[in-house]
Amino acid sequence: MRIFLAADPHGSNETWSKMCRAPGVFKADVAMMCGDLTGKAIMPIIQEKEDRWYAQPYGQKKEFKKQKDLDKFVKFVETEGYYPKVLTPEDLAKLRETEGAITKLFQDLMVERIQMWMDMARERIPEDVLIVVNPGNDDDYSIDEVIKNDPRIVYPLGRVVDVRGYPMISCEWVNSTPWDTHRECPEEELMEKLEAEFARLETDDYSNVICNFHDPPFNSGLDTAPTLTRDHKIKKAGAYEVVGPVGSKSVRAIIEKYQPLLGLHGHIHESVGYRNIGRTLCVNPGSEYREGILKGFVINVDDGKVNAGRVEL
């Protein structure tokens, strides 16, 4: 069995398009696109006249006088993972004045893009490939039903999935972060969630179990990220950024306890790699979604033995 694993596209259309091509390119039996699917913000584009628009990416005003220039900007914004929305000044004022309207628009745009992505995956990935898609800690709950309702996509949360004869359990939750995301919790609660997933398995032999856990194990080399100060700035020692492990101690402990075949992770974009924790091979494909770069792992599983290799598109 060959698995193609990618994670954390964060709304980037270019990255997702490559995700849909990759299973065919690498002749995968299983395509897994796991964790943090949605983008982080709306990009308002204000239409002042019929042929005059402006936007303010990163606080810098950009004006557009031709439709082709606007279209180019929209594509750039969608590659970066944001949600462009053309609004009149009156539309923008109404959004700001109406309680809950901005949140509702954000949810609608996320759902719309996830629906488009599910359609793309169904249409572009070869029919004999098993497709697994799940949200991560950053994702609003509004997108879950879109994935669940797709006739072909496997939504793996809260169940055991048969992955070509290998049982897989999943958990999208992570340990507490500075960002107060949708699906994060203290380590003690995360451990309870992980134990509950292992309890779903109808076996005492975990040697062929695949763990699709968004959070990487603590101090594994798959969870190294910049250390933040109390005001969420990157801590520095002279000219150098201070980095350290930020993954989950509960994920590490549960892997050490049960020693599954595979740990499939994500969450920490800058910590690409693979490590063995005991007999368990753990991988994190990382993410460079803003550049439209797809990072992934091709994982070969043969009679309980695994090997993995990094790929980029």
C-alpha atoms as a PDB file:
ATOM      1  CA  MET A   1       0.000   0.000   0.000  1.00  0.00           C
ATOM      2  CA  ARG A   2       1.219   3.483  -0.821  1.00  0.00           C
ATOM      3  CA  ILE A   3      -0.084   6.514   1.098  1.00  0.00           C
ATOM      4  CA  PHE A   4       0.292  10.098  -0.053  1.00  0.00           C
ATOM      5  CA  LEU A   5       0.101  12.368   3.023  1.00  0.00           C
ATOM      6  CA  ALA A   6      -0.216  16.156   3.025  1.00  0.00           C
ATOM      7  CA  ALA A   7      -1.526  18.578   5.629  1.00  0.00           C
ATOM      8  CA  ASP A   8      -2.232  22.203   6.506  1.00  0.00           C
ATOM      9  CA  PRO A   9      -3.249  23.795   3.178  1.00  0.00           C
ATOM     10  CA  HIS A  10      -4.952  26.637   5.108  1.00  0.00           C
ATOM     11  CA  GLY A  11      -7.244  27.691   2.293  1.00  0.00           C
ATOM     12  CA  SER A  12      -4.599  27.840  -0.462  1.00  0.00           C
ATOM     13  CA  ASN A  13      -6.216  26.973  -3.789  1.00  0.00           C
ATOM     14  CA  GLU A  14      -2.879  26.342  -5.503  1.00  0.00           C
ATOM     15  CA  THR A  15      -1.759  23.955  -2.778  1.00  0.00           C
ATOM     16  CA  TRP A  16      -5.054  22.048  -2.868  1.00  0.00           C
ATOM     17  CA  SER A  17      -4.940  21.781  -6.659  1.00  0.00           C
ATOM     18  CA  LYS A  18      -1.519  20.138  -6.342  1.00  0.00           C
ATOM     19  CA  MET A  19      -2.865  17.857  -3.610  1.00  0.00           C
ATOM     20  CA  CYS A  20      -5.429  16.597  -6.087  1.00  0.00           C
ATOM     21  CA  ARG A  21      -2.737  15.854  -8.693  1.00  0.00           C
ATOM     22  CA  ALA A  22      -0.248  14.223  -6.345  1.00  0.00           C
ATOM     23  CA  PRO A  23      -1.962  10.827  -5.798  1.00  0.00           C
ATOM     24  CA  GLY A  24      -1.909  10.191  -9.545  1.00  0.00           C
ATOM     25  CA  VAL A  25       1.663  11.431  -9.946  1.00  0.00           C
ATOM     26  CA  PHE A  26       2.992   9.236  -7.133  1.00  0.00           C
ATOM     27  CA  LYS A  27       0.683   6.279  -7.866  1.00  0.00           C
ATOM     28  CA  ALA A  28      -0.815   6.281  -4.374  1.00  0.00           C
ATOM     29  CA  ASP A  29      -3.483   3.877  -3.155  1.00  0.00           C
ATOM     30  CA  VAL A  30      -4.526   6.290  -0.396  1.00  0.00           C
ATOM     31  CA  ALA A  31      -4.610  10.105  -0.433  1.00  0.00           C
ATOM     32  CA  MET A  32      -4.701  11.761   2.985  1.00  0.00           C
ATOM     33  CA  MET A  33      -5.252  15.502   3.237  1.00  0.00           C
ATOM     34  CA  CYS A  34      -5.409  16.147   6.930  1.00  0.00           C
ATOM     35  CA  GLY A  35      -5.731  19.140   9.212  1.00  0.00           C
ATOM     36  CA  ASP A  36      -6.160  22.906   9.000  1.00  0.00           C
ATOM     37  CA  LEU A  37      -8.004  23.104   5.719  1.00  0.00           C
ATOM     38  CA  THR A  38      -9.394  26.628   5.999  1.00  0.00           C
ATOM     39  CA  GLY A  39      -7.849  30.055   5.524  1.00  0.00           C
ATOM     40  CA  LYS A  40      -7.373  32.649   8.209  1.00  0.00           C
ATOM     41  CA  ALA A  41      -9.176  35.776   6.981  1.00  0.00           C
ATOM     42  CA  ILE A  42     -11.407  37.539   4.463  1.00  0.00           C
ATOM     43  CA  MET A  43      -9.719  39.913   2.016  1.00  0.00           C
ATOM     44  CA  PRO A  44     -12.246  42.700   1.274  1.00  0.00           C
ATOM     45  CA  ILE A  45     -12.020  44.206  -2.218  1.00  0.00           C
ATOM     46  CA  ILE A  46     -13.905  47.486  -2.346  1.00  0.00           C
ATOM     47  CA  GLN A  47     -15.600  48.381  -5.621  1.00  0.00           C
ATOM     48  CA  GLU A  48     -15.765  52.186  -5.766  1.00  0.00           C
ATOM     49  CA  LYS A  49     -16.923  52.389  -9.396  1.00  0.00           C
ATOM     50  CA  GLU A  50     -17.837  49.931 -12.131  1.00  0.00           C
ATOM     51  CA  ASP A  51     -14.177  49.699 -13.174  1.00  0.00           C
ATOM     52  CA  ARG A  52     -12.372  50.788 -10.024  1.00  0.00           C
ATOM     53  CA  TRP A  53     -11.479  48.577  -7.045  1.00  0.00           C
ATOM     54  CA  TYR A  54      -9.032  48.643  -4.171  1.00  0.00           C
ATOM     55  CA  ALA A  55      -7.790  46.333  -1.424  1.00  0.00           C
ATOM     56  CA  GLN A  56      -5.405  46.705   1.491  1.00  0.00           C
ATOM     57  CA  PRO A  57      -3.275  43.572   1.837  1.00  0.00           C
ATOM     58  CA  TYR A  58      -0.913  43.836   4.807  1.00  0.00           C
ATOM     59  CA  GLY A  59      -2.064  47.432   5.328  1.00  0.00           C
ATOM     60  CA  GLN A  60      -0.870  48.660   1.910  1.00  0.00           C
ATOM     61  CA  LYS A  61      -3.492  50.015  -0.475  1.00  0.00           C
ATOM     62  CA  LYS A  62      -3.618  48.460  -3.952  1.00  0.00           C
ATOM     63  CA  GLU A  63      -5.824  49.931  -6.673  1.00  0.00           C
ATOM     64  CA  PHE A  64      -7.128  48.122  -9.752  1.00  0.00           C
ATOM     65  CA  LYS A  65      -8.489  49.786 -12.905  1.00  0.00           C
ATOM     66  CA  LYS A  66      -8.670  46.723 -15.145  1.00  0.00           C
ATOM     67  CA  GLN A  67     -10.563  43.471 -14.616  1.00  0.00           C
ATOM     68  CA  LYS A  68      -7.496  41.414 -15.572  1.00  0.00           C
ATOM     69  CA  ASP A  69      -5.444  43.090 -12.833  1.00  0.00           C
ATOM     70  CA  LEU A  70      -8.188  42.411 -10.306  1.00  0.00           C
ATOM     71  CA  ASP A  71      -8.405  38.782 -11.424  1.00  0.00           C
ATOM     72  CA  LYS A  72      -4.644  38.391 -10.990  1.00  0.00           C
ATOM     73  CA  PHE A  73      -4.867  39.789  -7.471  1.00  0.00           C
ATOM     74  CA  VAL A  74      -7.771  37.482  -6.593  1.00  0.00           C
ATOM     75  CA  LYS A  75      -5.756  34.453  -7.711  1.00  0.00           C
ATOM     76  CA  PHE A  76      -2.794  35.613  -5.625  1.00  0.00           C
ATOM     77  CA  VAL A  77      -5.019  36.070  -2.566  1.00  0.00           C
ATOM     78  CA  GLU A  78      -6.551  32.618  -3.029  1.00  0.00           C
ATOM     79  CA  THR A  79      -3.084  31.050  -3.322  1.00  0.00           C
ATOM     80  CA  GLU A  80      -2.143  32.663  -0.008  1.00  0.00           C
ATOM     81  CA  GLY A  81      -5.215  31.092   1.535  1.00  0.00           C
ATOM     82  CA  TYR A  82      -7.400  34.157   2.076  1.00  0.00           C
ATOM     83  CA  TYR A  83     -10.990  34.666   0.944  1.00  0.00           C
ATOM     84  CA  PRO A  84     -11.390  37.597  -1.482  1.00  0.00           C
ATOM     85  CA  LYS A  85     -14.812  39.241  -1.380  1.00  0.00           C
ATOM     86  CA  VAL A  86     -15.859  42.137  -3.620  1.00  0.00           C
ATOM     87  CA  LEU A  87     -17.978  44.620  -1.659  1.00  0.00           C
ATOM     88  CA  THR A  88     -19.345  48.078  -2.234  1.00  0.00           C
ATOM     89  CA  PRO A  89     -18.622  50.676   0.478  1.00  0.00           C
ATOM     90  CA  GLU A  90     -22.270  50.281   1.511  1.00  0.00           C
ATOM     91  CA  ASP A  91     -21.897  46.497   1.773  1.00  0.00           C
ATOM     92  CA  LEU A  92     -18.826  46.909   3.967  1.00  0.00           C
ATOM     93  CA  ALA A  93     -20.561  49.404   6.243  1.00  0.00           C
ATOM     94  CA  LYS A  94     -23.548  47.077   6.663  1.00  0.00           C
ATOM     95  CA  LEU A  95     -21.277  44.146   7.528  1.00  0.00           C
ATOM     96  CA  ARG A  96     -19.565  46.188  10.211  1.00  0.00           C
ATOM     97  CA  GLU A  97     -22.842  47.422  11.672  1.00  0.00           C
ATOM     98  CA  THR A  98     -24.657  44.054  11.769  1.00  0.00           C
ATOM     99  CA  GLU A  99     -23.779  41.875  14.729  1.00  0.00           C
ATOM    100  CA  GLY A 100     -22.412  38.499  13.664  1.00  0.00           C
ATOM    101  CA  ALA A 101     -22.468  39.348   9.941  1.00  0.00           C
ATOM    102  CA  ILE A 102     -18.694  39.155   9.439  1.00  0.00           C
ATOM    103  CA  THR A 103     -18.483  35.786  11.208  1.00  0.00           C
ATOM    104  CA  LYS A 104     -21.374  34.462   9.117  1.00  0.00           C
ATOM    105  CA  LEU A 105     -19.740  35.656   5.874  1.00  0.00           C
ATOM    106  CA  PHE A 106     -16.428  34.072   6.913  1.00  0.00           C
ATOM    107  CA  GLN A 107     -18.156  30.734   7.585  1.00  0.00           C
ATOM    108  CA  ASP A 108     -20.025  30.897   4.277  1.00  0.00           C
ATOM    109  CA  LEU A 109     -16.793  31.528   2.357  1.00  0.00           C
ATOM    110  CA  MET A 110     -15.009  28.676   4.139  1.00  0.00           C
ATOM    111  CA  VAL A 111     -17.861  26.270   3.406  1.00  0.00           C
ATOM    112  CA  GLU A 112     -17.990  27.372  -0.230  1.00  0.00           C
ATOM    113  CA  ARG A 113     -14.271  26.726  -0.741  1.00  0.00           C
ATOM    114  CA  ILE A 114     -14.314  23.385   1.069  1.00  0.00           C
ATOM    115  CA  GLN A 115     -17.222  22.283  -1.120  1.00  0.00           C
ATOM    116  CA  MET A 116     -15.236  23.297  -4.199  1.00  0.00           C
ATOM    117  CA  TRP A 117     -12.232  21.371  -2.893  1.00  0.00           C
ATOM    118  CA  MET A 118     -14.252  18.219  -2.259  1.00  0.00           C
ATOM    119  CA  ASP A 119     -15.591  18.438  -5.818  1.00  0.00           C
ATOM    120  CA  MET A 120     -12.048  18.838  -7.156  1.00  0.00           C
ATOM    121  CA  ALA A 121     -10.761  15.852  -5.178  1.00  0.00           C
ATOM    122  CA  ARG A 122     -13.627  13.653  -6.342  1.00  0.00           C
ATOM    123  CA  GLU A 123     -13.182  14.641  -9.978  1.00  0.00           C
ATOM    124  CA  ARG A 124      -9.367  14.707 -10.250  1.00  0.00           C
ATOM    125  CA  ILE A 125      -8.089  11.904  -8.022  1.00  0.00           C
ATOM    126  CA  PRO A 126      -8.184   8.460  -9.690  1.00  0.00           C
ATOM    127  CA  GLU A 127     -11.296   6.485  -8.790  1.00  0.00           C
ATOM    128  CA  ASP A 128      -9.416   3.590  -7.197  1.00  0.00           C
ATOM    129  CA  VAL A 129      -7.693   5.879  -4.654  1.00  0.00           C
ATOM    130  CA  LEU A 130      -9.107   6.043  -1.121  1.00  0.00           C
ATOM    131  CA  ILE A 131      -9.441   9.741  -0.180  1.00  0.00           C
ATOM    132  CA  VAL A 132      -9.292  10.762   3.490  1.00  0.00           C
ATOM    133  CA  VAL A 133      -9.908  14.395   4.499  1.00  0.00           C
ATOM    134  CA  ASN A 134     -10.311  15.852   7.968  1.00  0.00           C
ATOM    135  CA  PRO A 135     -10.157  19.248   9.681  1.00  0.00           C
ATOM    136  CA  GLY A 136      -7.551  20.331  12.227  1.00  0.00           C
ATOM    137  CA  ASN A 137      -7.439  22.568  15.257  1.00  0.00           C
ATOM    138  CA  ASP A 138      -7.680  25.789  13.219  1.00  0.00           C
ATOM    139  CA  ASP A 139     -10.870  24.763  11.413  1.00  0.00           C
ATOM    140  CA  ASP A 140     -14.341  26.079  12.187  1.00  0.00           C
ATOM    141  CA  TYR A 141     -16.942  23.351  12.782  1.00  0.00           C
ATOM    142  CA  SER A 142     -19.032  24.693   9.894  1.00  0.00           C
ATOM    143  CA  ILE A 143     -16.935  22.727   7.365  1.00  0.00           C
ATOM    144  CA  ASP A 144     -17.317  19.251   8.882  1.00  0.00           C
ATOM    145  CA  GLU A 145     -20.708  18.478   7.369  1.00  0.00           C
ATOM    146  CA  VAL A 146     -19.427  19.310   3.875  1.00  0.00           C
ATOM    147  CA  ILE A 147     -16.789  16.594   4.170  1.00  0.00           C
ATOM    148  CA  LYS A 148     -19.139  14.115   5.857  1.00  0.00           C
ATOM    149  CA  ASN A 149     -21.782  14.522   3.149  1.00  0.00           C
ATOM    150  CA  ASP A 150     -19.458  13.919   0.211  1.00  0.00           C
ATOM    151  CA  PRO A 151     -20.281  10.587  -1.470  1.00  0.00           C
ATOM    152  CA  ARG A 152     -16.631   9.599  -1.934  1.00  0.00           C
ATOM    153  CA  ILE A 153     -14.495  11.388   0.652  1.00  0.00           C
ATOM    154  CA  VAL A 154     -13.814   9.559   3.925  1.00  0.00           C
ATOM    155  CA  TYR A 155     -14.280  11.710   7.053  1.00  0.00           C
ATOM    156  CA  PRO A 156     -12.245   9.736   9.600  1.00  0.00           C
ATOM    157  CA  LEU A 157     -13.000  11.474  12.901  1.00  0.00           C
ATOM    158  CA  GLY A 158     -14.796   9.569  15.626  1.00  0.00           C
ATOM    159  CA  ARG A 159     -14.452   6.150  13.980  1.00  0.00           C
ATOM    160  CA  VAL A 160     -12.033   3.428  12.945  1.00  0.00           C
ATOM    161  CA  VAL A 161     -11.302   3.530   9.212  1.00  0.00           C
ATOM    162  CA  ASP A 162     -10.126   0.470   7.302  1.00  0.00           C
ATOM    163  CA  VAL A 163      -7.196   1.753   5.236  1.00  0.00           C
ATOM    164  CA  ARG A 164      -6.549  -1.118   2.834  1.00  0.00           C
ATOM    165  CA  GLY A 165      -6.560  -3.604   5.704  1.00  0.00           C
ATOM    166  CA  TYR A 166      -4.878  -1.366   8.298  1.00  0.00           C
ATOM    167  CA  PRO A 167      -7.109   0.144  11.045  1.00  0.00           C
ATOM    168  CA  MET A 168      -6.739   3.917  11.433  1.00  0.00           C
ATOM    169  CA  ILE A 169      -7.841   6.156  14.296  1.00  0.00           C
ATOM    170  CA  SER A 170      -7.810   9.943  14.125  1.00  0.00           C
ATOM    171  CA  CYS A 171      -7.746  13.020  16.362  1.00  0.00           C
ATOM    172  CA  GLU A 172      -7.769  16.593  15.100  1.00  0.00           C
ATOM    173  CA  TRP A 173      -7.315  18.154  18.552  1.00  0.00           C
ATOM    174  CA  VAL A 174      -3.990  19.637  19.722  1.00  0.00           C
ATOM    175  CA  ASN A 175      -2.522  20.781  23.013  1.00  0.00           C
ATOM    176  CA  SER A 176      -3.134  24.381  24.099  1.00  0.00           C
ATOM    177  CA  THR A 177      -1.659  27.092  21.837  1.00  0.00           C
ATOM    178  CA  PRO A 178      -1.269  30.876  22.181  1.00  0.00           C
ATOM    179  CA  TRP A 179      -3.917  31.317  19.483  1.00  0.00           C
ATOM    180  CA  ASP A 180      -7.044  29.905  21.187  1.00  0.00           C
ATOM    181  CA  THR A 181      -8.034  27.839  18.149  1.00  0.00           C
ATOM    182  CA  HIS A 182     -11.257  25.858  17.722  1.00  0.00           C
ATOM    183  CA  ARG A 183      -9.977  22.388  18.646  1.00  0.00           C
ATOM    184  CA  GLU A 184      -7.332  22.660  21.319  1.00  0.00           C
ATOM    185  CA  CYS A 185      -7.309  21.648  24.962  1.00  0.00           C
ATOM    186  CA  PRO A 186      -4.997  20.999  27.925  1.00  0.00           C
ATOM    187  CA  GLU A 187      -2.781  17.913  27.759  1.00  0.00           C
ATOM    188  CA  GLU A 188      -4.855  16.004  30.323  1.00  0.00           C
ATOM    189  CA  GLU A 189      -7.996  16.368  28.231  1.00  0.00           C
ATOM    190  CA  LEU A 190      -6.113  15.519  25.045  1.00  0.00           C
ATOM    191  CA  MET A 191      -4.860  12.307  26.635  1.00  0.00           C
ATOM    192  CA  GLU A 192      -8.472  11.322  27.385  1.00  0.00           C
ATOM    193  CA  LYS A 193      -9.408  11.933  23.754  1.00  0.00           C
ATOM    194  CA  LEU A 194      -6.497   9.836  22.507  1.00  0.00           C
ATOM    195  CA  GLU A 195      -7.262   6.956  24.870  1.00  0.00           C
ATOM    196  CA  ALA A 196     -10.875   7.059  23.662  1.00  0.00           C
ATOM    197  CA  GLU A 197      -9.656   6.585  20.090  1.00  0.00           C
ATOM    198  CA  PHE A 198      -7.561   3.548  21.025  1.00  0.00           C
ATOM    199  CA  ALA A 199     -10.592   2.159  22.862  1.00  0.00           C
ATOM    200  CA  ARG A 200     -12.465   2.058  19.528  1.00  0.00           C
ATOM    201  CA  LEU A 201     -10.069  -0.604  18.232  1.00  0.00           C
ATOM    202  CA  GLU A 202     -11.295  -4.179  18.455  1.00  0.00           C
ATOM    203  CA  THR A 203      -7.828  -5.575  19.013  1.00  0.00           C
ATOM    204  CA  ASP A 204      -5.035  -5.728  21.565  1.00  0.00           C
ATOM    205  CA  ASP A 205      -2.443  -5.874  18.780  1.00  0.00           C
ATOM    206  CA  TYR A 206      -1.544  -2.320  17.767  1.00  0.00           C
ATOM    207  CA  SER A 207       1.347  -3.229  15.469  1.00  0.00           C
ATOM    208  CA  ASN A 208      -0.685  -2.496  12.305  1.00  0.00           C
ATOM    209  CA  VAL A 209      -2.582   0.560  13.611  1.00  0.00           C
ATOM    210  CA  ILE A 210      -2.271   3.936  11.851  1.00  0.00           C
ATOM    211  CA  CYS A 211      -2.672   7.028  14.047  1.00  0.00           C
ATOM    212  CA  ASN A 212      -3.830  10.129  12.180  1.00  0.00           C
ATOM    213  CA  PHE A 213      -3.130  12.624  14.991  1.00  0.00           C
ATOM    214  CA  HIS A 214      -2.799  16.262  13.905  1.00  0.00           C
ATOM    215  CA  ASP A 215      -0.522  17.195  16.814  1.00  0.00           C
ATOM    216  CA  PRO A 216       3.032  15.805  16.509  1.00  0.00           C
ATOM    217  CA  PRO A 217       4.671  14.136  19.511  1.00  0.00           C
ATOM    218  CA  PHE A 218       6.598  16.395  21.885  1.00  0.00           C
ATOM    219  CA  ASN A 219      10.348  16.790  21.384  1.00  0.00           C
ATOM    220  CA  SER A 220      10.345  14.451  18.411  1.00  0.00           C
ATOM    221  CA  GLY A 221      11.998  16.762  15.893  1.00  0.00           C
ATOM    222  CA  LEU A 222       8.587  17.036  14.197  1.00  0.00           C
ATOM    223  CA  ASP A 223       7.375  19.812  16.503  1.00  0.00           C
ATOM    224  CA  THR A 224      10.135  22.431  16.479  1.00  0.00           C
ATOM    225  CA  ALA A 225       8.855  26.005  16.133  1.00  0.00           C
ATOM    226  CA  PRO A 226       9.874  29.539  17.122  1.00  0.00           C
ATOM    227  CA  THR A 227       9.492  30.286  20.826  1.00  0.00           C
ATOM    228  CA  LEU A 228       7.059  33.144  21.485  1.00  0.00           C
ATOM    229  CA  THR A 229       7.129  35.901  24.078  1.00  0.00           C
ATOM    230  CA  ARG A 230       4.045  36.777  26.130  1.00  0.00           C
ATOM    231  CA  ASP A 231       2.956  39.292  23.481  1.00  0.00           C
ATOM    232  CA  HIS A 232       3.225  36.588  20.752  1.00  0.00           C
ATOM    233  CA  LYS A 233       6.427  37.893  19.206  1.00  0.00           C
ATOM    234  CA  ILE A 234       9.255  35.561  18.222  1.00  0.00           C
ATOM    235  CA  LYS A 235      11.847  35.337  20.971  1.00  0.00           C
ATOM    236  CA  LYS A 236      15.404  36.103  19.876  1.00  0.00           C
ATOM    237  CA  ALA A 237      18.881  35.518  21.210  1.00  0.00           C
ATOM    238  CA  GLY A 238      20.907  38.194  19.508  1.00  0.00           C
ATOM    239  CA  ALA A 239      20.189  37.896  15.768  1.00  0.00           C
ATOM    240  CA  TYR A 240      18.884  34.328  16.056  1.00  0.00           C
ATOM    241  CA  GLU A 241      15.352  33.105  16.609  1.00  0.00           C
ATOM    242  CA  VAL A 242      14.887  30.871  19.642  1.00  0.00           C
ATOM    243  CA  VAL A 243      13.187  27.593  18.752  1.00  0.00           C
ATOM    244  CA  GLY A 244      11.936  24.680  20.794  1.00  0.00           C
ATOM    245  CA  PRO A 245       9.481  21.750  20.935  1.00  0.00           C
ATOM    246  CA  VAL A 246       5.780  22.663  20.990  1.00  0.00           C
ATOM    247  CA  GLY A 247       4.115  19.317  20.215  1.00  0.00           C
ATOM    248  CA  SER A 248       1.994  17.223  22.503  1.00  0.00           C
ATOM    249  CA  LYS A 249       3.344  15.278  25.459  1.00  0.00           C
ATOM    250  CA  SER A 250       0.113  13.264  25.432  1.00  0.00           C
ATOM    251  CA  VAL A 251       0.616  12.239  21.786  1.00  0.00           C
ATOM    252  CA  ARG A 252       4.178  11.181  22.578  1.00  0.00           C
ATOM    253  CA  ALA A 253       3.091   9.211  25.645  1.00  0.00           C
ATOM    254  CA  ILE A 254       0.280   7.405  23.814  1.00  0.00           C
ATOM    255  CA  ILE A 255       2.602   6.419  20.949  1.00  0.00           C
ATOM    256  CA  GLU A 256       5.207   5.157  23.394  1.00  0.00           C
ATOM    257  CA  LYS A 257       2.508   3.184  25.223  1.00  0.00           C
ATOM    258  CA  TYR A 258       0.795   1.470  22.276  1.00  0.00           C
ATOM    259  CA  GLN A 259       3.569   1.507  19.635  1.00  0.00           C
ATOM    260  CA  PRO A 260       1.327   1.716  16.536  1.00  0.00           C
ATOM    261  CA  LEU A 261       2.691   1.179  13.044  1.00  0.00           C
ATOM    262  CA  LEU A 262       2.434   4.801  11.893  1.00  0.00           C
ATOM    263  CA  GLY A 263       1.934   8.262  13.337  1.00  0.00           C
ATOM    264  CA  LEU A 264       0.688  10.760  10.733  1.00  0.00           C
ATOM    265  CA  HIS A 265       0.925  14.352  11.916  1.00  0.00           C
ATOM    266  CA  GLY A 266       0.966  18.005  10.799  1.00  0.00           C
ATOM    267  CA  HIS A 267       0.243  21.260  12.666  1.00  0.00           C
ATOM    268  CA  ILE A 268       3.851  22.526  12.883  1.00  0.00           C
ATOM    269  CA  HIS A 269       4.549  23.815   9.389  1.00  0.00           C
ATOM    270  CA  GLU A 270       8.282  24.383   9.707  1.00  0.00           C
ATOM    271  CA  SER A 271       9.136  20.976  11.190  1.00  0.00           C
ATOM    272  CA  VAL A 272       9.177  18.631   8.204  1.00  0.00           C
ATOM    273  CA  GLY A 273      10.569  15.177   8.758  1.00  0.00           C
ATOM    274  CA  TYR A 274      10.208  11.646  10.022  1.00  0.00           C
ATOM    275  CA  ARG A 275      11.317  10.009  13.262  1.00  0.00           C
ATOM    276  CA  ASN A 276      10.993   6.649  14.944  1.00  0.00           C
ATOM    277  CA  ILE A 277       9.533   6.565  18.442  1.00  0.00           C
ATOM    278  CA  GLY A 278      10.273   2.995  19.385  1.00  0.00           C
ATOM    279  CA  ARG A 279       8.883   0.911  16.505  1.00  0.00           C
ATOM    280  CA  THR A 280       6.489   3.661  15.388  1.00  0.00           C
ATOM    281  CA  LEU A 281       7.376   5.738  12.329  1.00  0.00           C
ATOM    282  CA  CYS A 282       6.060   9.294  12.792  1.00  0.00           C
ATOM    283  CA  VAL A 283       5.970  11.810   9.928  1.00  0.00           C
ATOM    284  CA  ASN A 284       5.126  15.487   9.492  1.00  0.00           C
ATOM    285  CA  PRO A 285       4.934  16.748   5.887  1.00  0.00           C
ATOM    286  CA  GLY A 286       5.025  20.426   6.937  1.00  0.00           C
ATOM    287  CA  SER A 287       3.460  23.226   4.919  1.00  0.00           C
ATOM    288  CA  GLU A 288       4.420  26.165   2.706  1.00  0.00           C
ATOM    289  CA  TYR A 289       0.874  26.913   1.625  1.00  0.00           C
ATOM    290  CA  ARG A 290       1.378  30.678   1.190  1.00  0.00           C
ATOM    291  CA  GLU A 291       3.860  30.006  -1.620  1.00  0.00           C
ATOM    292  CA  GLY A 292       1.531  27.454  -3.211  1.00  0.00           C
ATOM    293  CA  ILE A 293       4.113  24.733  -2.545  1.00  0.00           C
ATOM    294  CA  LEU A 294       2.767  21.288  -1.735  1.00  0.00           C
ATOM    295  CA  LYS A 295       4.868  19.346   0.739  1.00  0.00           C
ATOM    296  CA  GLY A 296       4.037  15.710   1.280  1.00  0.00           C
ATOM    297  CA  PHE A 297       5.223  12.249   2.179  1.00  0.00           C
ATOM    298  CA  VAL A 298       4.956   9.098   0.130  1.00  0.00           C
ATOM    299  CA  ILE A 299       4.692   6.244   2.617  1.00  0.00           C
ATOM    300  CA  ASN A 300       5.035   2.630   1.504  1.00  0.00           C
ATOM    301  CA  VAL A 301       3.546  -0.060   3.733  1.00  0.00           C
ATOM    302  CA  ASP A 302       4.433  -3.683   2.968  1.00  0.00           C
ATOM    303  CA  ASP A 303       3.480  -6.511   5.326  1.00  0.00           C
ATOM    304  CA  GLY A 304       3.754  -4.332   8.435  1.00  0.00           C
ATOM    305  CA  LYS A 305       6.984  -2.630   7.334  1.00  0.00           C
ATOM    306  CA  VAL A 306       7.088   1.038   6.371  1.00  0.00           C
ATOM    307  CA  ASN A 307       9.357   3.542   4.698  1.00  0.00           C
ATOM    308  CA  ALA A 308       8.730   7.156   3.790  1.00  0.00           C
ATOM    309  CA  GLY A 309      10.117   9.786   1.457  1.00  0.00           C
ATOM    310  CA  ARG A 310       9.571  13.550   1.191  1.00  0.00           C
ATOM    311  CA  VAL A 311       8.135  15.078  -1.982  1.00  0.00           C
ATOM    312  CA  GLU A 312       7.279  18.586  -3.191  1.00  0.00           C
ATOM    313  CA  LEU A 313       5.165  19.940  -6.034  1.00  0.00           C
END
